[in-house]
């Protein structure tokens, strides 16, 4: 099996150094380059055609999320995994909507990043627990907007078993 060709894009040299150390020790992943901003990531992904791009959200010249449509156009077969400190739901959802297949917190254990790279290389999604929680919270908030009861979008009592008592009947 060929190693997973991975491009790193982050504006913090220390983060790039640590990611490279982590990945260089592995036989199944090879780092093909490093970009320090969104524009550089676009140019490098177009020329290097990595299997996976590890992309930070907040970078100079162009953010990771702003760069993603251009990256997708330049290298549609490259899977994008966001690696970021920004785990708020707005960032997670924007990244997923822009085409990211993964989102990993920079505070997550290295095993989460490695899992995200492996899954992304075969076209599968991975969200670290923090990112997953943010996405689910947003989904539940959208689902429950203006709804009473279960938050399922179903009328109150629709999920009850026939003959069962409601919570009000049990405590009231």
C-alpha atoms as a PDB file:
ATOM      1  CA  UNK A   1       0.000   0.000   0.000  1.00  0.00           C
ATOM      2  CA  UNK A   2       1.296   3.443  -0.942  1.00  0.00           C
ATOM      3  CA  UNK A   3       1.696   5.994   1.839  1.00  0.00           C
ATOM      4  CA  UNK A   4      -0.943   8.712   2.145  1.00  0.00           C
ATOM      5  CA  UNK A   5       0.454  11.852   0.503  1.00  0.00           C
ATOM      6  CA  UNK A   6      -0.320  14.715   2.883  1.00  0.00           C
ATOM      7  CA  UNK A   7       0.087  18.480   2.585  1.00  0.00           C
ATOM      8  CA  UNK A   8       0.198  20.594   5.752  1.00  0.00           C
ATOM      9  CA  UNK A   9      -1.208  24.153   5.794  1.00  0.00           C
ATOM     10  CA  UNK A  10      -0.896  26.260   8.933  1.00  0.00           C
ATOM     11  CA  UNK A  11       0.487  29.724   9.609  1.00  0.00           C
ATOM     12  CA  UNK A  12       2.176  28.732  12.876  1.00  0.00           C
ATOM     13  CA  UNK A  13       5.680  27.321  12.297  1.00  0.00           C
ATOM     14  CA  UNK A  14       5.619  25.413  15.597  1.00  0.00           C
ATOM     15  CA  UNK A  15       2.388  23.639  14.617  1.00  0.00           C
ATOM     16  CA  UNK A  16       3.863  22.692  11.235  1.00  0.00           C
ATOM     17  CA  UNK A  17       7.012  21.376  12.933  1.00  0.00           C
ATOM     18  CA  UNK A  18       5.054  19.257  15.409  1.00  0.00           C
ATOM     19  CA  UNK A  19       2.710  17.889  12.743  1.00  0.00           C
ATOM     20  CA  UNK A  20       5.684  16.987  10.573  1.00  0.00           C
ATOM     21  CA  UNK A  21       7.403  15.230  13.507  1.00  0.00           C
ATOM     22  CA  UNK A  22       4.268  13.213  14.189  1.00  0.00           C
ATOM     23  CA  UNK A  23       3.758  12.230  10.567  1.00  0.00           C
ATOM     24  CA  UNK A  24       7.407  11.705   9.563  1.00  0.00           C
ATOM     25  CA  UNK A  25       7.683   8.868  12.098  1.00  0.00           C
ATOM     26  CA  UNK A  26       5.063   6.869  10.182  1.00  0.00           C
ATOM     27  CA  UNK A  27       5.457   4.583   7.180  1.00  0.00           C
ATOM     28  CA  UNK A  28       1.834   4.968   6.087  1.00  0.00           C
ATOM     29  CA  UNK A  29       1.865   8.787   5.675  1.00  0.00           C
ATOM     30  CA  UNK A  30       4.302  11.010   3.802  1.00  0.00           C
ATOM     31  CA  UNK A  31       4.341  14.820   4.074  1.00  0.00           C
ATOM     32  CA  UNK A  32       4.712  16.249   0.564  1.00  0.00           C
ATOM     33  CA  UNK A  33       4.824  19.926   1.540  1.00  0.00           C
ATOM     34  CA  UNK A  34       3.988  22.742   3.919  1.00  0.00           C
ATOM     35  CA  UNK A  35       2.007  25.928   3.253  1.00  0.00           C
ATOM     36  CA  UNK A  36       1.915  28.955   5.545  1.00  0.00           C
ATOM     37  CA  UNK A  37      -1.266  30.620   4.269  1.00  0.00           C
ATOM     38  CA  UNK A  38      -4.399  29.953   2.250  1.00  0.00           C
ATOM     39  CA  UNK A  39      -3.019  31.212  -1.066  1.00  0.00           C
ATOM     40  CA  UNK A  40       0.082  29.066  -0.740  1.00  0.00           C
ATOM     41  CA  UNK A  41      -2.098  26.055   0.101  1.00  0.00           C
ATOM     42  CA  UNK A  42      -4.102  26.568  -3.113  1.00  0.00           C
ATOM     43  CA  UNK A  43      -0.951  26.753  -5.246  1.00  0.00           C
ATOM     44  CA  UNK A  44       0.691  23.750  -3.572  1.00  0.00           C
ATOM     45  CA  UNK A  45      -2.370  21.507  -3.682  1.00  0.00           C
ATOM     46  CA  UNK A  46      -2.693  22.232  -7.406  1.00  0.00           C
ATOM     47  CA  UNK A  47       0.892  21.236  -8.145  1.00  0.00           C
ATOM     48  CA  UNK A  48       1.443  18.451  -5.589  1.00  0.00           C
ATOM     49  CA  UNK A  49      -2.003  16.783  -5.735  1.00  0.00           C
ATOM     50  CA  UNK A  50      -1.872  15.339  -2.208  1.00  0.00           C
ATOM     51  CA  UNK A  51      -4.307  12.663  -1.071  1.00  0.00           C
ATOM     52  CA  UNK A  52      -5.091  14.677   2.066  1.00  0.00           C
ATOM     53  CA  UNK A  53      -4.705  18.344   2.965  1.00  0.00           C
ATOM     54  CA  UNK A  54      -4.510  19.256   6.655  1.00  0.00           C
ATOM     55  CA  UNK A  55      -5.789  22.826   6.654  1.00  0.00           C
ATOM     56  CA  UNK A  56      -6.023  25.428   9.410  1.00  0.00           C
ATOM     57  CA  UNK A  57      -9.054  27.727   9.466  1.00  0.00           C
ATOM     58  CA  UNK A  58      -7.398  30.984  10.568  1.00  0.00           C
ATOM     59  CA  UNK A  59      -4.497  31.851   8.258  1.00  0.00           C
ATOM     60  CA  UNK A  60      -3.205  35.067   6.696  1.00  0.00           C
ATOM     61  CA  UNK A  61      -3.928  36.177   3.124  1.00  0.00           C
ATOM     62  CA  UNK A  62      -6.887  33.786   2.869  1.00  0.00           C
ATOM     63  CA  UNK A  63      -8.563  31.674   5.543  1.00  0.00           C
ATOM     64  CA  UNK A  64      -8.794  27.922   5.152  1.00  0.00           C
ATOM     65  CA  UNK A  65     -12.555  28.116   4.681  1.00  0.00           C
ATOM     66  CA  UNK A  66     -12.224  30.843   2.027  1.00  0.00           C
ATOM     67  CA  UNK A  67      -9.544  28.800   0.249  1.00  0.00           C
ATOM     68  CA  UNK A  68     -11.529  25.548   0.213  1.00  0.00           C
ATOM     69  CA  UNK A  69     -13.624  26.203  -2.934  1.00  0.00           C
ATOM     70  CA  UNK A  70     -10.452  27.045  -4.871  1.00  0.00           C
ATOM     71  CA  UNK A  71      -8.664  24.018  -3.414  1.00  0.00           C
ATOM     72  CA  UNK A  72     -11.596  21.775  -4.388  1.00  0.00           C
ATOM     73  CA  UNK A  73     -11.445  23.209  -7.918  1.00  0.00           C
ATOM     74  CA  UNK A  74      -7.648  22.830  -8.219  1.00  0.00           C
ATOM     75  CA  UNK A  75      -7.554  19.284  -6.820  1.00  0.00           C
ATOM     76  CA  UNK A  76     -11.016  17.711  -6.555  1.00  0.00           C
ATOM     77  CA  UNK A  77      -9.565  14.353  -5.495  1.00  0.00           C
ATOM     78  CA  UNK A  78      -7.758  15.834  -2.468  1.00  0.00           C
ATOM     79  CA  UNK A  79      -9.630  15.258   0.792  1.00  0.00           C
ATOM     80  CA  UNK A  80      -9.546  18.188   3.206  1.00  0.00           C
ATOM     81  CA  UNK A  81      -9.257  17.779   6.967  1.00  0.00           C
ATOM     82  CA  UNK A  82      -9.490  20.937   9.048  1.00  0.00           C
ATOM     83  CA  UNK A  83      -7.104  21.095  12.010  1.00  0.00           C
ATOM     84  CA  UNK A  84      -8.017  24.105  14.116  1.00  0.00           C
ATOM     85  CA  UNK A  85      -8.393  25.658  17.548  1.00  0.00           C
ATOM     86  CA  UNK A  86     -11.733  27.074  16.335  1.00  0.00           C
ATOM     87  CA  UNK A  87     -14.286  24.426  17.291  1.00  0.00           C
ATOM     88  CA  UNK A  88     -17.318  26.690  17.433  1.00  0.00           C
ATOM     89  CA  UNK A  89     -20.258  25.280  15.478  1.00  0.00           C
ATOM     90  CA  UNK A  90     -20.138  28.048  12.859  1.00  0.00           C
ATOM     91  CA  UNK A  91     -16.593  27.054  11.816  1.00  0.00           C
ATOM     92  CA  UNK A  92     -17.336  23.331  11.812  1.00  0.00           C
ATOM     93  CA  UNK A  93     -20.491  23.732   9.738  1.00  0.00           C
ATOM     94  CA  UNK A  94     -18.923  26.182   7.276  1.00  0.00           C
ATOM     95  CA  UNK A  95     -15.983  23.844   6.748  1.00  0.00           C
ATOM     96  CA  UNK A  96     -18.217  20.823   6.175  1.00  0.00           C
ATOM     97  CA  UNK A  97     -20.443  22.795   3.804  1.00  0.00           C
ATOM     98  CA  UNK A  98     -17.349  23.960   1.886  1.00  0.00           C
ATOM     99  CA  UNK A  99     -16.234  20.355   1.370  1.00  0.00           C
ATOM    100  CA  UNK A 100     -14.096  19.303   4.324  1.00  0.00           C
ATOM    101  CA  UNK A 101     -14.362  15.600   5.145  1.00  0.00           C
ATOM    102  CA  UNK A 102     -12.810  15.990   8.571  1.00  0.00           C
ATOM    103  CA  UNK A 103     -12.487  18.455  11.405  1.00  0.00           C
ATOM    104  CA  UNK A 104     -10.031  17.912  14.261  1.00  0.00           C
ATOM    105  CA  UNK A 105      -9.327  20.124  17.245  1.00  0.00           C
ATOM    106  CA  UNK A 106      -5.692  21.079  17.749  1.00  0.00           C
ATOM    107  CA  UNK A 107      -6.181  20.027  21.365  1.00  0.00           C
ATOM    108  CA  UNK A 108      -7.255  16.496  20.382  1.00  0.00           C
ATOM    109  CA  UNK A 109      -4.872  13.557  20.876  1.00  0.00           C
ATOM    110  CA  UNK A 110      -2.612  12.714  17.932  1.00  0.00           C
ATOM    111  CA  UNK A 111      -4.582   9.506  17.405  1.00  0.00           C
ATOM    112  CA  UNK A 112      -7.600  11.612  16.313  1.00  0.00           C
ATOM    113  CA  UNK A 113      -5.547  13.378  13.662  1.00  0.00           C
ATOM    114  CA  UNK A 114      -4.122  10.084  12.389  1.00  0.00           C
ATOM    115  CA  UNK A 115      -7.592   8.544  12.235  1.00  0.00           C
ATOM    116  CA  UNK A 116      -8.901  11.582  10.330  1.00  0.00           C
ATOM    117  CA  UNK A 117      -6.069  11.321   7.772  1.00  0.00           C
ATOM    118  CA  UNK A 118      -6.659   7.608   7.222  1.00  0.00           C
ATOM    119  CA  UNK A 119     -10.422   7.972   6.861  1.00  0.00           C
ATOM    120  CA  UNK A 120     -10.104  11.039   4.609  1.00  0.00           C
ATOM    121  CA  UNK A 121      -7.718   9.161   2.327  1.00  0.00           C
ATOM    122  CA  UNK A 122     -10.514   6.687   1.540  1.00  0.00           C
ATOM    123  CA  UNK A 123     -13.233   9.334   1.277  1.00  0.00           C
ATOM    124  CA  UNK A 124     -14.760   8.909   4.718  1.00  0.00           C
ATOM    125  CA  UNK A 125     -15.568  11.569   7.304  1.00  0.00           C
ATOM    126  CA  UNK A 126     -14.082  12.064  10.744  1.00  0.00           C
ATOM    127  CA  UNK A 127     -14.938  14.710  13.323  1.00  0.00           C
ATOM    128  CA  UNK A 128     -13.046  14.867  16.593  1.00  0.00           C
ATOM    129  CA  UNK A 129     -15.398  14.709  19.604  1.00  0.00           C
ATOM    130  CA  UNK A 130     -15.317  18.499  20.082  1.00  0.00           C
ATOM    131  CA  UNK A 131     -16.175  19.154  16.435  1.00  0.00           C
ATOM    132  CA  UNK A 132     -18.794  16.430  16.406  1.00  0.00           C
ATOM    133  CA  UNK A 133     -20.425  17.909  19.490  1.00  0.00           C
ATOM    134  CA  UNK A 134     -20.522  21.367  17.876  1.00  0.00           C
ATOM    135  CA  UNK A 135     -22.108  19.963  14.696  1.00  0.00           C
ATOM    136  CA  UNK A 136     -24.693  17.920  16.609  1.00  0.00           C
ATOM    137  CA  UNK A 137     -25.548  20.870  18.865  1.00  0.00           C
ATOM    138  CA  UNK A 138     -26.195  22.999  15.793  1.00  0.00           C
ATOM    139  CA  UNK A 139     -28.285  20.272  14.175  1.00  0.00           C
ATOM    140  CA  UNK A 140     -30.369  19.846  17.330  1.00  0.00           C
ATOM    141  CA  UNK A 141     -30.823  23.601  17.645  1.00  0.00           C
ATOM    142  CA  UNK A 142     -32.006  23.810  14.020  1.00  0.00           C
ATOM    143  CA  UNK A 143     -34.242  20.787  14.472  1.00  0.00           C
ATOM    144  CA  UNK A 144     -35.771  22.134  17.650  1.00  0.00           C
ATOM    145  CA  UNK A 145     -36.359  25.702  16.443  1.00  0.00           C
ATOM    146  CA  UNK A 146     -39.946  26.577  17.209  1.00  0.00           C
ATOM    147  CA  UNK A 147     -40.804  23.035  18.262  1.00  0.00           C
ATOM    148  CA  UNK A 148     -42.144  21.838  21.585  1.00  0.00           C
ATOM    149  CA  UNK A 149     -41.588  18.524  23.229  1.00  0.00           C
ATOM    150  CA  UNK A 150     -39.157  16.017  21.757  1.00  0.00           C
ATOM    151  CA  UNK A 151     -37.272  18.348  19.436  1.00  0.00           C
ATOM    152  CA  UNK A 152     -37.759  15.625  16.828  1.00  0.00           C
ATOM    153  CA  UNK A 153     -40.062  17.637  14.599  1.00  0.00           C
ATOM    154  CA  UNK A 154     -42.865  15.208  15.431  1.00  0.00           C
ATOM    155  CA  UNK A 155     -46.012  16.192  17.314  1.00  0.00           C
ATOM    156  CA  UNK A 156     -45.877  15.806  21.090  1.00  0.00           C
ATOM    157  CA  UNK A 157     -46.554  12.210  22.062  1.00  0.00           C
ATOM    158  CA  UNK A 158     -45.821  10.787  18.591  1.00  0.00           C
ATOM    159  CA  UNK A 159     -42.931   8.728  19.968  1.00  0.00           C
ATOM    160  CA  UNK A 160     -44.894   7.284  22.888  1.00  0.00           C
ATOM    161  CA  UNK A 161     -45.812   3.614  22.883  1.00  0.00           C
ATOM    162  CA  UNK A 162     -49.554   2.918  22.568  1.00  0.00           C
ATOM    163  CA  UNK A 163     -51.113   2.812  26.017  1.00  0.00           C
ATOM    164  CA  UNK A 164     -48.163   4.463  27.741  1.00  0.00           C
ATOM    165  CA  UNK A 165     -48.642   7.417  30.073  1.00  0.00           C
ATOM    166  CA  UNK A 166     -47.163  10.829  29.446  1.00  0.00           C
ATOM    167  CA  UNK A 167     -44.708  12.384  31.850  1.00  0.00           C
ATOM    168  CA  UNK A 168     -47.430  14.776  33.014  1.00  0.00           C
ATOM    169  CA  UNK A 169     -49.760  11.861  33.825  1.00  0.00           C
ATOM    170  CA  UNK A 170     -47.024  10.077  35.780  1.00  0.00           C
ATOM    171  CA  UNK A 171     -45.968  13.030  37.931  1.00  0.00           C
ATOM    172  CA  UNK A 172     -49.145  15.052  37.936  1.00  0.00           C
END
